[in-house]
Amino acid sequence: MIQDIDFLARTHLKEGARKGSLDIKETTSKIIIECLAKKVMGEMEPEAAKELTLCWTFFPREWFGFAWNIPGTGVYRMVKARNRMMKVLKETVLKKRASGEELGDFFKTIFGDTERGVETISLESATEYIFTLFLLANETTPAVLAATIKLISDHPKVMQELQREHEGIVRDKIEKNEKADLTWEDYKSMTFTQMVINESLRITSTVPTVLRIIDHEFQFGEYTIPAGWIFMGYPYVHFNAEKYDDPLAFNPWRWKGKDLSAIVSRTYIPFGSGSRLCVGAEFVKLKMAIFIHHLSRYRWSMKTETTLLRRFVLILPRGSDVQILEDTKAK
């Protein structure tokens, strides 16, 4: 997985640098879809993979849009893109089954052992599962990473420390005559990067709310919470001044000396908790760290008009474009 993300991040950032700019959300979306498609479906024909990526350029941006499926609206384009995706997924599976070609591990897990004739669910249900997986991965991570890049851009000291850390990783690999490809050990050595990611996730939260039905009445300070109410609590936990000094400030150094490998704690729940803990939590952090690593090796700046808003999800109404110049330090 790490090799695939590393290659895709390196490739897309190099292409963006050649053009002089790139959209963080759009680029992240492409990397996620290309990576997951390979892991879920196995090797795909280039045209099929390209079609999947193209469909996602329509789908995510219209997810919370005008709710009527009328020609000319975003929802209409979204539904058409979804139908195209489902067609590509089904055709890919049927071609692989007909030729005896290997399917991805995830697909084999949910679909069953086709070689032995043991299919746990129908093809239609299996492709629905895959579509849902793509949707969940693609709806949250691109926005969170774009928000992280925005926060880094607004804090020059954070950017400088990231550059220092990642230049050190590259320098060490050169001195040891190692390949430029990132390894798991490289990822685990990105201490300050993990601090930045933790702080960004604290502020942005992959999902802003958690839904729980209260099964009994209880008292919270001066408030009585009746049984049967739905409780939502992420912002209170992450912006609690009793737990975090100056909670509204973006301060990665607050994580210094803490366990950076922990996905969840009593005061840190960006991926949910308990039985609803996000299964892709480590994937998200890995993806963000690798992207930041490669971006740090370029000269870049986010457009000054970039704005980060919170509705139910993270919104960047003026886009997430960065101006990026060719990598000169890694030559």
Foldseek 3Di string as FASTA:
>chain_A
DLLLLLVLLLVLVQVQQVVQKDFQLLSLLLSVLLVVCCQAFNDDDPVLSVLLSVLVVLAQVCPPHDPDCDPPDSVVSNVVSVVSNLVSQLVSVVVCVVVVHDTHPNLCVQQDDVVVPDGPDDPSVSSVVVVVVSCLVSNQLSLLLLQLQVLCQVPVVLLVVLLVLLLVLLVVCVVVVHDPRDDPVSLVSSVLLLLSSQLSLLQAFSFQWDWDFAQAWDDDVPDIDHGGDIDTDSNCLSQPCVVDPPSVDRDSCVCPPHDSVDQDDPRGASQHDDPSGDPCSVVSSSSSSSSSSSQSQWDKHWDPPFDWDPDSHIDGPVGSMMRTHRRDSND
